[in-house]
Amino acid sequence: MNIHESQKKILNYLSGIQDLDGISYWEIARETGLTNAQNVVHHLKQLEKLGYLRRDSFNPSSFEILKNPIEDVVYLNLLGFAQCGNETDFFCDTNVREKIAISTKLFGISNPKNSFLIRAKGDSMSPEIFDNDLIIFESTSDVDDGSVALVIDNDEPKIKQVFKTSNGILLRSFNKQHQDKVVKDSDIRILGLAKHLIKKYLN
């Protein structure tokens, strides 16, 4: 994909900076030889449209440079909650219920191949996550304490808050009517980290 020469300069400059938080438009203009901050704003918007960078909607001065440009809309696999024995069974094509269009800009998805969808079942994670809500997960086998994760416990996929303890992995539901459960590290597999929740407003 061809991009403007000034946009190439901006990408090259931003790619060489480890911490992009708080960088000013004037600084970008000065370092890339652009005439003013307004030109920088224009080219950043174009780069965002082309999928070369993402900006935080709550903090437009916060940038994420993408290694490969991505489309504004991607189709993520919606995976089922069927019993499965391992990660391969869970992620296999036969467990794909459908593909759902998701806005990469709205949800900040920079690596669609590493993302998937799950439709919540039951009330164990209410009042935060309700039955039929959609959750966007990022594939990973490790998460920080307190994160909401997709796990396989006793061959059954579950959405739980995860904590590491000296006795194993503690699985916690947001719904206090469901008891905590501690399982051995060897008996549980973490499949993904919950990144975004899409509420089900209509029946």
Protein backbone atom coordinates (compact mmCIF):
# COMPACT_ATOMS: atom_id res chain seq x y z
CA MET A 1 0.00 0.00 0.00
CA ASN A 2 1.44 3.35 -1.05
CA ILE A 3 1.48 6.10 1.53
CA HIS A 4 2.55 9.75 1.44
CA GLU A 5 6.23 10.48 1.95
CA SER A 6 5.46 12.57 5.04
CA GLN A 7 3.48 9.67 6.48
CA LYS A 8 6.49 7.39 5.96
CA LYS A 9 8.65 9.88 7.88
CA ILE A 10 6.13 9.98 10.73
CA LEU A 11 5.94 6.17 10.89
CA ASN A 12 9.72 5.82 10.86
CA TYR A 13 10.09 8.40 13.61
CA LEU A 14 7.35 6.99 15.86
CA SER A 15 8.55 3.41 15.35
CA GLY A 16 11.91 4.33 16.85
CA ILE A 17 10.43 5.64 20.10
CA GLN A 18 9.80 3.19 22.94
CA ASP A 19 7.34 5.32 24.95
CA LEU A 20 4.94 7.29 22.77
CA ASP A 21 2.75 8.57 25.62
CA GLY A 22 2.69 12.34 25.80
CA ILE A 23 4.59 12.98 22.58
CA SER A 24 3.46 16.29 21.08
CA TYR A 25 2.41 17.06 17.52
CA TRP A 26 4.97 19.87 17.45
CA GLU A 27 7.73 17.46 18.40
CA ILE A 28 6.71 15.10 15.59
CA ALA A 29 6.63 18.02 13.15
CA ARG A 30 10.08 19.20 14.20
CA GLU A 31 11.66 15.74 13.99
CA THR A 32 10.12 14.85 10.62
CA GLY A 33 10.55 18.20 8.87
CA LEU A 34 6.85 19.00 8.58
CA THR A 35 5.81 22.64 8.62
CA ASN A 36 3.36 22.59 11.52
CA ALA A 37 1.33 20.50 13.97
CA GLN A 38 -1.79 20.67 11.79
CA ASN A 39 0.03 18.74 9.06
CA VAL A 40 0.99 16.12 11.61
CA VAL A 41 -2.63 15.75 12.76
CA HIS A 42 -3.78 15.33 9.15
CA HIS A 43 -1.20 12.65 8.36
CA LEU A 44 -1.85 10.80 11.62
CA LYS A 45 -5.54 10.60 10.76
CA GLN A 46 -4.65 9.21 7.33
CA LEU A 47 -2.29 6.64 8.85
CA GLU A 48 -5.03 5.60 11.25
CA LYS A 49 -7.50 5.17 8.38
CA LEU A 50 -4.94 3.08 6.49
CA GLY A 51 -4.44 0.85 9.53
CA TYR A 52 -0.81 1.72 10.26
CA LEU A 53 -1.48 3.05 13.73
CA ARG A 54 -4.18 3.15 16.37
CA ARG A 55 -4.96 6.01 18.70
CA ASP A 56 -6.65 5.73 22.09
CA SER A 57 -10.15 7.19 21.73
CA PHE A 58 -9.91 8.49 25.31
CA ASN A 59 -6.44 9.93 24.78
CA PRO A 60 -5.82 10.84 21.10
CA SER A 61 -2.18 11.70 21.82
CA SER A 62 -1.53 8.05 22.77
CA PHE A 63 -0.36 6.02 19.75
CA GLU A 64 0.15 2.38 18.95
CA ILE A 65 2.23 1.61 15.87
CA LEU A 66 1.07 -1.54 14.10
CA LYS A 67 3.64 -3.82 12.50
CA ASN A 68 1.27 -4.62 9.66
CA PRO A 69 -1.68 -2.49 8.52
CA ILE A 70 -5.07 -4.00 9.35
CA GLU A 71 -8.56 -3.39 8.06
CA ASP A 72 -11.06 -1.22 9.94
CA VAL A 73 -13.34 -4.25 10.25
CA VAL A 74 -12.21 -7.83 10.81
CA TYR A 75 -14.15 -11.05 11.19
CA LEU A 76 -13.39 -12.87 14.44
CA ASN A 77 -14.27 -16.48 15.15
CA LEU A 78 -17.09 -16.98 17.65
CA LEU A 79 -16.14 -20.19 19.43
CA GLY A 80 -18.53 -22.56 21.18
CA PHE A 81 -18.64 -23.63 24.80
CA ALA A 82 -18.80 -27.36 24.00
CA GLN A 83 -16.89 -29.85 26.14
CA CYS A 84 -13.33 -30.18 24.87
CA GLY A 85 -10.21 -32.00 25.92
CA ASN A 86 -7.51 -29.49 25.04
CA GLU A 87 -6.64 -26.25 23.27
CA THR A 88 -6.56 -27.92 19.86
CA ASP A 89 -10.13 -29.18 20.26
CA PHE A 90 -11.34 -25.80 21.43
CA PHE A 91 -9.77 -23.80 18.61
CA CYS A 92 -10.52 -26.31 15.85
CA ASP A 93 -12.69 -25.32 12.88
CA THR A 94 -15.58 -27.50 14.05
CA ASN A 95 -15.92 -25.35 17.19
CA VAL A 96 -16.34 -22.12 15.17
CA ARG A 97 -20.01 -21.16 15.46
CA GLU A 98 -19.82 -18.14 13.13
CA LYS A 99 -17.64 -15.22 12.15
CA ILE A 100 -18.63 -11.79 13.49
CA ALA A 101 -17.57 -8.40 12.11
CA ILE A 102 -15.70 -6.35 14.71
CA SER A 103 -14.36 -2.80 14.44
CA THR A 104 -10.60 -2.85 15.00
CA LYS A 105 -10.63 0.89 15.68
CA LEU A 106 -13.44 0.74 18.24
CA PHE A 107 -11.91 -2.17 20.16
CA GLY A 108 -8.23 -1.46 19.53
CA ILE A 109 -7.52 -4.83 17.94
CA SER A 110 -4.01 -4.76 16.55
CA ASN A 111 -3.60 -8.50 15.93
CA PRO A 112 -6.88 -10.03 14.68
CA LYS A 113 -5.26 -13.45 14.21
CA ASN A 114 -4.67 -13.54 17.97
CA SER A 115 -8.25 -12.61 18.91
CA PHE A 116 -11.49 -14.57 19.18
CA LEU A 117 -15.01 -14.25 20.57
CA ILE A 118 -16.95 -16.15 23.23
CA ARG A 119 -20.64 -15.80 24.06
CA ALA A 120 -21.11 -15.96 27.83
CA LYS A 121 -23.33 -18.62 29.35
CA GLY A 122 -25.12 -18.51 32.68
CA ASP A 123 -24.94 -16.01 35.54
CA SER A 124 -21.65 -16.88 37.25
CA MET A 125 -19.98 -13.64 36.08
CA SER A 126 -22.91 -11.29 36.66
CA PRO A 127 -23.38 -8.41 37.31
CA GLU A 128 -20.40 -7.63 35.04
CA ILE A 129 -20.98 -10.27 32.36
CA PHE A 130 -24.45 -11.59 31.60
CA ASP A 131 -25.75 -14.56 29.67
CA ASN A 132 -25.28 -14.05 25.90
CA ASP A 133 -22.84 -11.13 26.26
CA LEU A 134 -19.95 -11.31 23.80
CA ILE A 135 -16.37 -11.16 25.06
CA ILE A 136 -13.35 -10.48 22.88
CA PHE A 137 -10.39 -12.56 24.05
CA GLU A 138 -6.71 -12.33 23.20
CA SER A 139 -5.01 -15.73 22.95
CA THR A 140 -2.50 -16.28 25.77
CA SER A 141 -1.50 -18.99 28.20
CA ASP A 142 -0.67 -16.60 31.05
CA VAL A 143 -2.53 -13.69 32.66
CA ASP A 144 -1.97 -11.33 35.59
CA ASP A 145 -3.70 -11.94 38.92
CA GLY A 146 -7.27 -10.67 38.93
CA SER A 147 -7.64 -10.85 35.16
CA VAL A 148 -10.73 -12.33 33.56
CA ALA A 149 -9.65 -15.31 31.51
CA LEU A 150 -10.99 -18.16 29.46
CA VAL A 151 -9.80 -21.41 31.04
CA ILE A 152 -10.30 -25.14 30.53
CA ASP A 153 -11.15 -26.73 33.87
CA ASN A 154 -11.94 -30.45 33.88
CA ASP A 155 -12.24 -30.37 30.06
CA GLU A 156 -14.84 -27.58 30.32
CA PRO A 157 -14.25 -24.01 29.06
CA LYS A 158 -15.10 -21.38 31.66
CA ILE A 159 -14.86 -17.60 32.00
CA LYS A 160 -13.42 -16.79 35.41
CA GLN A 161 -11.34 -14.29 37.32
CA VAL A 162 -7.95 -15.91 37.86
CA PHE A 163 -5.59 -15.70 40.83
CA LYS A 164 -2.34 -17.59 41.40
CA THR A 165 -1.93 -19.05 44.89
CA SER A 166 0.53 -21.37 46.64
CA ASN A 167 -2.04 -24.15 46.31
CA GLY A 168 -2.73 -23.67 42.61
CA ILE A 169 -5.00 -21.47 40.51
CA LEU A 170 -8.02 -19.88 42.17
CA LEU A 171 -11.03 -19.43 39.90
CA ARG A 172 -13.47 -16.77 41.06
CA SER A 173 -16.90 -15.78 39.80
CA PHE A 174 -18.19 -12.22 40.06
CA ASN A 175 -21.51 -13.65 41.22
CA LYS A 176 -21.00 -14.28 44.95
CA GLN A 177 -23.53 -17.13 44.87
CA HIS A 178 -20.87 -19.19 43.08
CA GLN A 179 -18.05 -20.44 45.29
CA ASP A 180 -14.35 -19.98 44.56
CA LYS A 181 -12.51 -23.02 43.28
CA VAL A 182 -8.81 -23.84 43.55
CA VAL A 183 -7.33 -26.21 40.98
CA LYS A 184 -3.82 -27.54 40.48
CA ASP A 185 -1.68 -25.77 37.89
CA SER A 186 -1.43 -29.02 35.95
CA ASP A 187 -5.22 -29.43 35.82
CA ILE A 188 -6.06 -26.11 34.21
CA ARG A 189 -5.19 -24.43 30.95
CA ILE A 190 -5.53 -20.71 30.28
CA LEU A 191 -6.64 -20.01 26.71
CA GLY A 192 -7.21 -16.28 26.59
CA LEU A 193 -7.39 -12.91 28.33
CA ALA A 194 -10.66 -10.99 28.23
CA LYS A 195 -10.07 -7.66 26.49
CA HIS A 196 -13.50 -6.22 25.67
CA LEU A 197 -17.12 -6.85 26.59
CA ILE A 198 -19.96 -6.39 24.11
CA LYS A 199 -23.23 -6.21 26.04
CA LYS A 200 -26.37 -7.93 24.79
CA TYR A 201 -29.07 -5.27 24.94
CA LEU A 202 -31.74 -6.93 22.83
CA ASN A 203 -33.31 -10.38 22.93
